[in-house]
């Protein structure tokens, strides 16, 4: 019997991360490109509902955290019993250790 899909839960920080990503993409490329990037992020996150362990484990940043890369953006998340909790969505070129030391997620 197939396990039911996980529910996606976005943290306030992860939701807030999306606007600067869109703004940067729109400024560097175009609004259409920025829109497509956010759609790719959303599609990847939606895929975690049925395959939550797809991303790589990143215990060097936080216990239990996993990472999934979409272009240069990294989606950080945790898998709980019934949910996939999206913790942060950040540019992978940033100092990731600093991002997580500031948040203490």
PDB file of N, CA and C in Angstrom:
ATOM      1  N   UNK A   1       0.837  -1.182   0.000  1.00  0.00           N
ATOM      2  CA  UNK A   1       0.000   0.000   0.000  1.00  0.00           C
ATOM      3  C   UNK A   1       0.887   1.253   0.000  1.00  0.00           C
ATOM      4  N   UNK A   2       0.564   2.194  -0.836  1.00  0.00           N
ATOM      5  CA  UNK A   2       1.350   3.426  -0.983  1.00  0.00           C
ATOM      6  C   UNK A   2       1.070   4.379   0.176  1.00  0.00           C
ATOM      7  N   UNK A   3       2.153   4.933   0.728  1.00  0.00           N
ATOM      8  CA  UNK A   3       2.021   5.910   1.799  1.00  0.00           C
ATOM      9  C   UNK A   3       1.442   7.199   1.216  1.00  0.00           C
ATOM     10  N   UNK A   4       0.534   7.853   1.927  1.00  0.00           N
ATOM     11  CA  UNK A   4      -0.033   9.105   1.414  1.00  0.00           C
ATOM     12  C   UNK A   4       1.050  10.175   1.267  1.00  0.00           C
ATOM     13  N   UNK A   5       0.807  11.091   0.350  1.00  0.00           N
ATOM     14  CA  UNK A   5       1.751  12.175   0.139  1.00  0.00           C
ATOM     15  C   UNK A   5       1.923  13.012   1.403  1.00  0.00           C
ATOM     16  N   UNK A   6       3.123  13.551   1.542  1.00  0.00           N
ATOM     17  CA  UNK A   6       3.429  14.463   2.636  1.00  0.00           C
ATOM     18  C   UNK A   6       2.803  15.826   2.333  1.00  0.00           C
ATOM     19  N   UNK A   7       2.471  16.553   3.370  1.00  0.00           N
ATOM     20  CA  UNK A   7       1.955  17.915   3.233  1.00  0.00           C
ATOM     21  C   UNK A   7       3.144  18.867   3.291  1.00  0.00           C
ATOM     22  N   UNK A   8       3.164  19.862   2.410  1.00  0.00           N
ATOM     23  CA  UNK A   8       4.236  20.857   2.377  1.00  0.00           C
ATOM     24  C   UNK A   8       3.871  21.997   3.321  1.00  0.00           C
ATOM     25  N   UNK A   9       4.828  22.370   4.182  1.00  0.00           N
ATOM     26  CA  UNK A   9       4.633  23.491   5.105  1.00  0.00           C
ATOM     27  C   UNK A   9       5.803  24.454   4.912  1.00  0.00           C
ATOM     28  N   UNK A  10       5.495  25.675   4.487  1.00  0.00           N
ATOM     29  CA  UNK A  10       6.513  26.704   4.269  1.00  0.00           C
ATOM     30  C   UNK A  10       6.684  27.505   5.546  1.00  0.00           C
ATOM     31  N   UNK A  11       7.918  27.678   6.006  1.00  0.00           N
ATOM     32  CA  UNK A  11       8.180  28.551   7.154  1.00  0.00           C
ATOM     33  C   UNK A  11       8.009  29.997   6.695  1.00  0.00           C
ATOM     34  N   UNK A  12       7.756  30.921   7.614  1.00  0.00           N
ATOM     35  CA  UNK A  12       7.687  32.337   7.230  1.00  0.00           C
ATOM     36  C   UNK A  12       8.975  32.806   6.552  1.00  0.00           C
ATOM     37  N   UNK A  13      10.124  32.303   7.026  1.00  0.00           N
ATOM     38  CA  UNK A  13      11.406  32.692   6.434  1.00  0.00           C
ATOM     39  C   UNK A  13      11.516  32.211   4.984  1.00  0.00           C
ATOM     40  N   UNK A  14      11.075  30.983   4.736  1.00  0.00           N
ATOM     41  CA  UNK A  14      11.173  30.452   3.376  1.00  0.00           C
ATOM     42  C   UNK A  14      10.246  31.210   2.424  1.00  0.00           C
ATOM     43  N   UNK A  15       9.075  31.576   2.899  1.00  0.00           N
ATOM     44  CA  UNK A  15       8.168  32.377   2.073  1.00  0.00           C
ATOM     45  C   UNK A  15       8.778  33.748   1.789  1.00  0.00           C
ATOM     46  N   UNK A  16       9.391  34.352   2.806  1.00  0.00           N
ATOM     47  CA  UNK A  16      10.020  35.663   2.639  1.00  0.00           C
ATOM     48  C   UNK A  16      11.234  35.593   1.715  1.00  0.00           C
ATOM     49  N   UNK A  17      11.876  34.441   1.623  1.00  0.00           N
ATOM     50  CA  UNK A  17      13.046  34.275   0.759  1.00  0.00           C
ATOM     51  C   UNK A  17      12.690  34.406  -0.727  1.00  0.00           C
ATOM     52  N   UNK A  18      11.452  34.123  -1.089  1.00  0.00           N
ATOM     53  CA  UNK A  18      11.082  34.052  -2.500  1.00  0.00           C
ATOM     54  C   UNK A  18      11.077  35.409  -3.202  1.00  0.00           C
ATOM     55  N   UNK A  19      10.628  36.458  -2.528  1.00  0.00           N
ATOM     56  CA  UNK A  19      10.551  37.773  -3.173  1.00  0.00           C
ATOM     57  C   UNK A  19      11.928  38.304  -3.580  1.00  0.00           C
ATOM     58  N   UNK A  20      12.941  38.267  -2.710  1.00  0.00           N
ATOM     59  CA  UNK A  20      14.263  38.711  -3.159  1.00  0.00           C
ATOM     60  C   UNK A  20      14.827  37.870  -4.308  1.00  0.00           C
ATOM     61  N   UNK A  21      14.520  36.583  -4.319  1.00  0.00           N
ATOM     62  CA  UNK A  21      14.957  35.730  -5.427  1.00  0.00           C
ATOM     63  C   UNK A  21      14.303  36.199  -6.720  1.00  0.00           C
ATOM     64  N   UNK A  22      13.002  36.474  -6.659  1.00  0.00           N
ATOM     65  CA  UNK A  22      12.296  36.954  -7.845  1.00  0.00           C
ATOM     66  C   UNK A  22      12.839  38.310  -8.287  1.00  0.00           C
ATOM     67  N   UNK A  23      13.015  39.223  -7.340  1.00  0.00           N
ATOM     68  CA  UNK A  23      13.510  40.566  -7.687  1.00  0.00           C
ATOM     69  C   UNK A  23      14.881  40.501  -8.363  1.00  0.00           C
ATOM     70  N   UNK A  24      15.764  39.674  -7.828  1.00  0.00           N
ATOM     71  CA  UNK A  24      17.095  39.553  -8.413  1.00  0.00           C
ATOM     72  C   UNK A  24      16.999  39.014  -9.841  1.00  0.00           C
ATOM     73  N   UNK A  25      16.208  37.980 -10.031  1.00  0.00           N
ATOM     74  CA  UNK A  25      16.050  37.398 -11.364  1.00  0.00           C
ATOM     75  C   UNK A  25      15.442  38.375 -12.347  1.00  0.00           C
ATOM     76  N   UNK A  26      14.463  39.149 -11.895  1.00  0.00           N
ATOM     77  CA  UNK A  26      13.830  40.136 -12.771  1.00  0.00           C
ATOM     78  C   UNK A  26      14.815  41.234 -13.146  1.00  0.00           C
ATOM     79  N   UNK A  27      15.636  41.667 -12.199  1.00  0.00           N
ATOM     80  CA  UNK A  27      16.612  42.725 -12.463  1.00  0.00           C
ATOM     81  C   UNK A  27      17.744  42.229 -13.362  1.00  0.00           C
ATOM     82  N   UNK A  28      18.189  41.010 -13.147  1.00  0.00           N
ATOM     83  CA  UNK A  28      19.311  40.478 -13.917  1.00  0.00           C
ATOM     84  C   UNK A  28      18.898  39.955 -15.290  1.00  0.00           C
ATOM     85  N   UNK A  29      17.686  39.440 -15.402  1.00  0.00           N
ATOM     86  CA  UNK A  29      17.245  38.785 -16.630  1.00  0.00           C
ATOM     87  C   UNK A  29      15.946  39.408 -17.133  1.00  0.00           C
ATOM     88  N   UNK A  30      14.828  38.973 -16.571  1.00  0.00           N
ATOM     89  CA  UNK A  30      13.515  39.531 -16.933  1.00  0.00           C
ATOM     90  C   UNK A  30      12.483  39.023 -15.939  1.00  0.00           C
ATOM     91  N   UNK A  31      11.341  39.685 -15.920  1.00  0.00           N
ATOM     92  CA  UNK A  31      10.255  39.229 -15.045  1.00  0.00           C
ATOM     93  C   UNK A  31       9.787  37.832 -15.452  1.00  0.00           C
ATOM     94  N   UNK A  32       9.767  37.566 -16.751  1.00  0.00           N
ATOM     95  CA  UNK A  32       9.361  36.231 -17.215  1.00  0.00           C
ATOM     96  C   UNK A  32      10.319  35.152 -16.724  1.00  0.00           C
ATOM     97  N   UNK A  33      11.613  35.453 -16.765  1.00  0.00           N
ATOM     98  CA  UNK A  33      12.620  34.495 -16.288  1.00  0.00           C
ATOM     99  C   UNK A  33      12.481  34.298 -14.778  1.00  0.00           C
ATOM    100  N   UNK A  34      12.260  35.393 -14.051  1.00  0.00           N
ATOM    101  CA  UNK A  34      12.078  35.293 -12.598  1.00  0.00           C
ATOM    102  C   UNK A  34      10.834  34.469 -12.266  1.00  0.00           C
ATOM    103  N   UNK A  35       9.761  34.684 -13.024  1.00  0.00           N
ATOM    104  CA  UNK A  35       8.543  33.890 -12.830  1.00  0.00           C
ATOM    105  C   UNK A  35       8.811  32.405 -13.080  1.00  0.00           C
ATOM    106  N   UNK A  36       9.544  32.120 -14.148  1.00  0.00           N
ATOM    107  CA  UNK A  36       9.850  30.720 -14.475  1.00  0.00           C
ATOM    108  C   UNK A  36      10.697  30.073 -13.384  1.00  0.00           C
ATOM    109  N   UNK A  37      11.617  30.851 -12.815  1.00  0.00           N
ATOM    110  CA  UNK A  37      12.456  30.326 -11.734  1.00  0.00           C
ATOM    111  C   UNK A  37      11.588  29.969 -10.523  1.00  0.00           C
ATOM    112  N   UNK A  38      10.669  30.850 -10.149  1.00  0.00           N
ATOM    113  CA  UNK A  38       9.793  30.541  -9.009  1.00  0.00           C
ATOM    114  C   UNK A  38       8.897  29.347  -9.300  1.00  0.00           C
ATOM    115  N   UNK A  39       8.448  29.219 -10.549  1.00  0.00           N
ATOM    116  CA  UNK A  39       7.650  28.033 -10.905  1.00  0.00           C
ATOM    117  C   UNK A  39       8.484  26.760 -10.777  1.00  0.00           C
ATOM    118  N   UNK A  40       9.757  26.827 -11.159  1.00  0.00           N
ATOM    119  CA  UNK A  40      10.645  25.658 -11.028  1.00  0.00           C
ATOM    120  C   UNK A  40      10.860  25.298  -9.563  1.00  0.00           C
ATOM    121  N   UNK A  41      10.994  26.314  -8.719  1.00  0.00           N
ATOM    122  CA  UNK A  41      11.124  26.068  -7.273  1.00  0.00           C
ATOM    123  C   UNK A  41       9.861  25.388  -6.760  1.00  0.00           C
ATOM    124  N   UNK A  42       8.700  25.935  -7.121  1.00  0.00           N
ATOM    125  CA  UNK A  42       7.426  25.374  -6.662  1.00  0.00           C
ATOM    126  C   UNK A  42       7.252  23.938  -7.159  1.00  0.00           C
ATOM    127  N   UNK A  43       7.627  23.674  -8.397  1.00  0.00           N
ATOM    128  CA  UNK A  43       7.502  22.318  -8.942  1.00  0.00           C
ATOM    129  C   UNK A  43       8.391  21.344  -8.168  1.00  0.00           C
ATOM    130  N   UNK A  44       9.614  21.768  -7.869  1.00  0.00           N
ATOM    131  CA  UNK A  44      10.527  20.907  -7.105  1.00  0.00           C
ATOM    132  C   UNK A  44       9.994  20.646  -5.703  1.00  0.00           C
ATOM    133  N   UNK A  45       9.469  21.684  -5.064  1.00  0.00           N
ATOM    134  CA  UNK A  45       8.897  21.522  -3.724  1.00  0.00           C
ATOM    135  C   UNK A  45       7.690  20.587  -3.791  1.00  0.00           C
ATOM    136  N   UNK A  46       6.843  20.754  -4.788  1.00  0.00           N
ATOM    137  CA  UNK A  46       5.683  19.865  -4.926  1.00  0.00           C
ATOM    138  C   UNK A  46       6.111  18.412  -5.088  1.00  0.00           C
ATOM    139  N   UNK A  47       7.217  18.186  -5.783  1.00  0.00           N
ATOM    140  CA  UNK A  47       7.723  16.826  -5.952  1.00  0.00           C
ATOM    141  C   UNK A  47       8.133  16.170  -4.645  1.00  0.00           C
ATOM    142  N   UNK A  48       8.464  16.997  -3.653  1.00  0.00           N
ATOM    143  CA  UNK A  48       8.844  16.455  -2.345  1.00  0.00           C
ATOM    144  C   UNK A  48       7.667  15.804  -1.624  1.00  0.00           C
ATOM    145  N   UNK A  49       6.457  16.096  -2.050  1.00  0.00           N
ATOM    146  CA  UNK A  49       5.294  15.470  -1.420  1.00  0.00           C
ATOM    147  C   UNK A  49       5.328  13.955  -1.558  1.00  0.00           C
ATOM    148  N   UNK A  50       5.795  13.481  -2.698  1.00  0.00           N
ATOM    149  CA  UNK A  50       5.819  12.039  -2.909  1.00  0.00           C
ATOM    150  C   UNK A  50       7.223  11.433  -2.773  1.00  0.00           C
ATOM    151  N   UNK A  51       8.253  12.272  -2.877  1.00  0.00           N
ATOM    152  CA  UNK A  51       9.634  11.780  -2.745  1.00  0.00           C
ATOM    153  C   UNK A  51      10.423  12.705  -1.817  1.00  0.00           C
ATOM    154  N   UNK A  52      10.089  12.720  -0.536  1.00  0.00           N
ATOM    155  CA  UNK A  52      10.678  13.701   0.375  1.00  0.00           C
ATOM    156  C   UNK A  52      12.175  13.530   0.642  1.00  0.00           C
ATOM    157  N   UNK A  53      12.712  12.373   0.385  1.00  0.00           N
ATOM    158  CA  UNK A  53      14.135  12.159   0.661  1.00  0.00           C
ATOM    159  C   UNK A  53      14.989  12.332  -0.598  1.00  0.00           C
ATOM    160  N   UNK A  54      14.441  13.003  -1.594  1.00  0.00           N
ATOM    161  CA  UNK A  54      15.145  13.237  -2.846  1.00  0.00           C
ATOM    162  C   UNK A  54      16.389  14.099  -2.654  1.00  0.00           C
ATOM    163  N   UNK A  55      16.309  15.118  -1.820  1.00  0.00           N
ATOM    164  CA  UNK A  55      17.444  16.017  -1.609  1.00  0.00           C
ATOM    165  C   UNK A  55      18.544  15.370  -0.784  1.00  0.00           C
ATOM    166  N   UNK A  56      19.673  16.057  -0.742  1.00  0.00           N
ATOM    167  CA  UNK A  56      20.833  15.560  -0.002  1.00  0.00           C
ATOM    168  C   UNK A  56      20.765  15.990   1.463  1.00  0.00           C
ATOM    169  N   UNK A  57      21.186  15.115   2.336  1.00  0.00           N
ATOM    170  CA  UNK A  57      21.279  15.438   3.760  1.00  0.00           C
ATOM    171  C   UNK A  57      22.393  16.459   3.969  1.00  0.00           C
ATOM    172  N   UNK A  58      22.137  17.472   4.814  1.00  0.00           N
ATOM    173  CA  UNK A  58      23.136  18.504   5.105  1.00  0.00           C
ATOM    174  C   UNK A  58      23.306  18.694   6.617  1.00  0.00           C
ATOM    175  N   UNK A  59      23.730  17.647   7.333  1.00  0.00           N
ATOM    176  CA  UNK A  59      23.891  17.762   8.782  1.00  0.00           C
ATOM    177  C   UNK A  59      24.985  18.749   9.182  1.00  0.00           C
ATOM    178  N   UNK A  60      25.830  19.131   8.226  1.00  0.00           N
ATOM    179  CA  UNK A  60      26.858  20.127   8.519  1.00  0.00           C
ATOM    180  C   UNK A  60      26.242  21.501   8.786  1.00  0.00           C
ATOM    181  N   UNK A  61      25.017  21.714   8.305  1.00  0.00           N
ATOM    182  CA  UNK A  61      24.333  22.994   8.529  1.00  0.00           C
ATOM    183  C   UNK A  61      23.382  22.931   9.715  1.00  0.00           C
ATOM    184  N   UNK A  62      22.560  21.907   9.751  1.00  0.00           N
ATOM    185  CA  UNK A  62      21.602  21.688  10.846  1.00  0.00           C
ATOM    186  C   UNK A  62      21.254  20.203  10.904  1.00  0.00           C
ATOM    187  N   UNK A  63      21.019  19.683  12.095  1.00  0.00           N
ATOM    188  CA  UNK A  63      20.580  18.287  12.183  1.00  0.00           C
ATOM    189  C   UNK A  63      19.246  18.096  11.448  1.00  0.00           C
ATOM    190  N   UNK A  64      19.160  17.049  10.650  1.00  0.00           N
ATOM    191  CA  UNK A  64      17.922  16.699   9.974  1.00  0.00           C
ATOM    192  C   UNK A  64      17.595  17.521   8.740  1.00  0.00           C
ATOM    193  N   UNK A  65      18.451  18.458   8.380  1.00  0.00           N
ATOM    194  CA  UNK A  65      18.150  19.327   7.232  1.00  0.00           C
ATOM    195  C   UNK A  65      18.576  18.639   5.938  1.00  0.00           C
ATOM    196  N   UNK A  66      17.791  18.863   4.889  1.00  0.00           N
ATOM    197  CA  UNK A  66      18.081  18.322   3.565  1.00  0.00           C
ATOM    198  C   UNK A  66      18.088  19.486   2.583  1.00  0.00           C
ATOM    199  N   UNK A  67      18.729  19.300   1.435  1.00  0.00           N
ATOM    200  CA  UNK A  67      18.838  20.364   0.443  1.00  0.00           C
ATOM    201  C   UNK A  67      18.524  19.833  -0.947  1.00  0.00           C
ATOM    202  N   UNK A  68      17.772  20.632  -1.679  1.00  0.00           N
ATOM    203  CA  UNK A  68      17.423  20.327  -3.058  1.00  0.00           C
ATOM    204  C   UNK A  68      17.773  21.549  -3.894  1.00  0.00           C
ATOM    205  N   UNK A  69      18.537  21.358  -4.956  1.00  0.00           N
ATOM    206  CA  UNK A  69      19.028  22.472  -5.771  1.00  0.00           C
ATOM    207  C   UNK A  69      18.149  22.665  -6.999  1.00  0.00           C
ATOM    208  N   UNK A  70      17.778  23.926  -7.228  1.00  0.00           N
ATOM    209  CA  UNK A  70      17.039  24.343  -8.419  1.00  0.00           C
ATOM    210  C   UNK A  70      17.811  25.509  -9.010  1.00  0.00           C
ATOM    211  N   UNK A  71      18.491  25.266 -10.112  1.00  0.00           N
ATOM    212  CA  UNK A  71      19.406  26.254 -10.704  1.00  0.00           C
ATOM    213  C   UNK A  71      20.432  26.632  -9.636  1.00  0.00           C
ATOM    214  N   UNK A  72      20.549  27.908  -9.301  1.00  0.00           N
ATOM    215  CA  UNK A  72      21.512  28.304  -8.260  1.00  0.00           C
ATOM    216  C   UNK A  72      20.849  28.443  -6.894  1.00  0.00           C
ATOM    217  N   UNK A  73      19.592  28.100  -6.806  1.00  0.00           N
ATOM    218  CA  UNK A  73      18.831  28.229  -5.563  1.00  0.00           C
ATOM    219  C   UNK A  73      18.797  26.899  -4.830  1.00  0.00           C
ATOM    220  N   UNK A  74      18.911  26.962  -3.509  1.00  0.00           N
ATOM    221  CA  UNK A  74      18.863  25.747  -2.698  1.00  0.00           C
ATOM    222  C   UNK A  74      17.655  25.813  -1.775  1.00  0.00           C
ATOM    223  N   UNK A  75      16.849  24.772  -1.837  1.00  0.00           N
ATOM    224  CA  UNK A  75      15.678  24.635  -0.967  1.00  0.00           C
ATOM    225  C   UNK A  75      16.117  23.768   0.204  1.00  0.00           C
ATOM    226  N   UNK A  76      16.041  24.321   1.409  1.00  0.00           N
ATOM    227  CA  UNK A  76      16.392  23.569   2.611  1.00  0.00           C
ATOM    228  C   UNK A  76      15.105  23.150   3.307  1.00  0.00           C
ATOM    229  N   UNK A  77      15.052  21.882   3.701  1.00  0.00           N
ATOM    230  CA  UNK A  77      13.821  21.365   4.287  1.00  0.00           C
ATOM    231  C   UNK A  77      14.109  20.225   5.251  1.00  0.00           C
ATOM    232  N   UNK A  78      13.091  19.934   6.045  1.00  0.00           N
ATOM    233  CA  UNK A  78      13.128  18.790   6.957  1.00  0.00           C
ATOM    234  C   UNK A  78      11.925  17.906   6.662  1.00  0.00           C
ATOM    235  N   UNK A  79      12.122  16.621   6.832  1.00  0.00           N
ATOM    236  CA  UNK A  79      11.035  15.666   6.656  1.00  0.00           C
ATOM    237  C   UNK A  79      10.539  15.276   8.036  1.00  0.00           C
ATOM    238  N   UNK A  80       9.260  15.518   8.278  1.00  0.00           N
ATOM    239  CA  UNK A  80       8.623  15.128   9.536  1.00  0.00           C
ATOM    240  C   UNK A  80       7.717  13.920   9.255  1.00  0.00           C
ATOM    241  N   UNK A  81       6.945  13.522  10.227  1.00  0.00           N
ATOM    242  CA  UNK A  81       6.127  12.319  10.076  1.00  0.00           C
ATOM    243  C   UNK A  81       5.124  12.433   8.927  1.00  0.00           C
ATOM    244  N   UNK A  82       4.464  13.587   8.814  1.00  0.00           N
ATOM    245  CA  UNK A  82       3.453  13.764   7.776  1.00  0.00           C
ATOM    246  C   UNK A  82       3.692  14.988   6.905  1.00  0.00           C
ATOM    247  N   UNK A  83       4.755  15.728   7.191  1.00  0.00           N
ATOM    248  CA  UNK A  83       4.997  16.973   6.469  1.00  0.00           C
ATOM    249  C   UNK A  83       6.425  17.059   5.947  1.00  0.00           C
ATOM    250  N   UNK A  84       6.589  17.887   4.940  1.00  0.00           N
ATOM    251  CA  UNK A  84       7.898  18.347   4.499  1.00  0.00           C
ATOM    252  C   UNK A  84       7.911  19.822   4.846  1.00  0.00           C
ATOM    253  N   UNK A  85       8.783  20.193   5.766  1.00  0.00           N
ATOM    254  CA  UNK A  85       8.846  21.569   6.252  1.00  0.00           C
ATOM    255  C   UNK A  85       9.934  22.322   5.504  1.00  0.00           C
ATOM    256  N   UNK A  86       9.520  23.286   4.690  1.00  0.00           N
ATOM    257  CA  UNK A  86      10.475  24.101   3.937  1.00  0.00           C
ATOM    258  C   UNK A  86      11.025  25.142   4.907  1.00  0.00           C
ATOM    259  N   UNK A  87      12.334  25.077   5.156  1.00  0.00           N
ATOM    260  CA  UNK A  87      12.979  25.919   6.166  1.00  0.00           C
ATOM    261  C   UNK A  87      13.461  27.229   5.559  1.00  0.00           C
ATOM    262  N   UNK A  88      14.214  27.144   4.470  1.00  0.00           N
ATOM    263  CA  UNK A  88      14.752  28.336   3.787  1.00  0.00           C
ATOM    264  C   UNK A  88      14.882  28.034   2.305  1.00  0.00           C
ATOM    265  N   UNK A  89      14.884  29.096   1.501  1.00  0.00           N
ATOM    266  CA  UNK A  89      15.132  29.002   0.069  1.00  0.00           C
ATOM    267  C   UNK A  89      16.154  30.097  -0.227  1.00  0.00           C
ATOM    268  N   UNK A  90      17.393  29.706  -0.511  1.00  0.00           N
ATOM    269  CA  UNK A  90      18.466  30.704  -0.629  1.00  0.00           C
ATOM    270  C   UNK A  90      19.340  30.453  -1.852  1.00  0.00           C
ATOM    271  N   UNK A  91      20.033  31.496  -2.256  1.00  0.00           N
ATOM    272  CA  UNK A  91      20.999  31.389  -3.333  1.00  0.00           C
ATOM    273  C   UNK A  91      22.160  30.533  -2.831  1.00  0.00           C
ATOM    274  N   UNK A  92      22.475  29.492  -3.552  1.00  0.00           N
ATOM    275  CA  UNK A  92      23.519  28.568  -3.143  1.00  0.00           C
ATOM    276  C   UNK A  92      24.911  29.163  -3.118  1.00  0.00           C
ATOM    277  N   UNK A  93      25.061  30.368  -3.675  1.00  0.00           N
ATOM    278  CA  UNK A  93      26.371  31.022  -3.659  1.00  0.00           C
ATOM    279  C   UNK A  93      26.600  31.797  -2.367  1.00  0.00           C
ATOM    280  N   UNK A  94      25.578  31.896  -1.543  1.00  0.00           N
ATOM    281  CA  UNK A  94      25.728  32.566  -0.252  1.00  0.00           C
ATOM    282  C   UNK A  94      26.512  31.685   0.714  1.00  0.00           C
ATOM    283  N   UNK A  95      26.988  32.292   1.776  1.00  0.00           N
ATOM    284  CA  UNK A  95      27.646  31.547   2.842  1.00  0.00           C
ATOM    285  C   UNK A  95      26.542  30.849   3.637  1.00  0.00           C
ATOM    286  N   UNK A  96      26.312  29.600   3.334  1.00  0.00           N
ATOM    287  CA  UNK A  96      25.180  28.873   3.917  1.00  0.00           C
ATOM    288  C   UNK A  96      25.328  28.677   5.419  1.00  0.00           C
ATOM    289  N   UNK A  97      26.535  28.456   5.880  1.00  0.00           N
ATOM    290  CA  UNK A  97      26.743  28.312   7.323  1.00  0.00           C
ATOM    291  C   UNK A  97      26.329  29.596   8.039  1.00  0.00           C
ATOM    292  N   UNK A  98      26.613  30.743   7.449  1.00  0.00           N
ATOM    293  CA  UNK A  98      26.226  32.018   8.057  1.00  0.00           C
ATOM    294  C   UNK A  98      24.712  32.187   8.046  1.00  0.00           C
ATOM    295  N   UNK A  99      24.057  31.770   6.966  1.00  0.00           N
ATOM    296  CA  UNK A  99      22.588  31.871   6.895  1.00  0.00           C
ATOM    297  C   UNK A  99      21.963  31.097   8.046  1.00  0.00           C
ATOM    298  N   UNK A 100      22.452  29.893   8.294  1.00  0.00           N
ATOM    299  CA  UNK A 100      21.842  29.068   9.337  1.00  0.00           C
ATOM    300  C   UNK A 100      22.306  29.452  10.737  1.00  0.00           C
ATOM    301  N   UNK A 101      23.470  30.005  10.878  1.00  0.00           N
ATOM    302  CA  UNK A 101      23.894  30.437  12.217  1.00  0.00           C
ATOM    303  C   UNK A 101      23.100  31.652  12.661  1.00  0.00           C
ATOM    304  N   UNK A 102      22.628  32.470  11.719  1.00  0.00           N
ATOM    305  CA  UNK A 102      21.796  33.639  12.042  1.00  0.00           C
ATOM    306  C   UNK A 102      20.399  33.225  12.456  1.00  0.00           C
ATOM    307  N   UNK A 103      19.885  32.147  11.848  1.00  0.00           N
ATOM    308  CA  UNK A 103      18.490  31.755  12.060  1.00  0.00           C
ATOM    309  C   UNK A 103      18.282  30.801  13.210  1.00  0.00           C
ATOM    310  N   UNK A 104      19.263  29.972  13.473  1.00  0.00           N
ATOM    311  CA  UNK A 104      19.112  28.924  14.476  1.00  0.00           C
ATOM    312  C   UNK A 104      17.832  28.126  14.277  1.00  0.00           C
ATOM    313  N   UNK A 105      17.582  27.738  13.000  1.00  0.00           N
ATOM    314  CA  UNK A 105      16.389  26.940  12.686  1.00  0.00           C
ATOM    315  C   UNK A 105      16.561  25.589  13.301  1.00  0.00           C
TER     316      UNK A 105
END
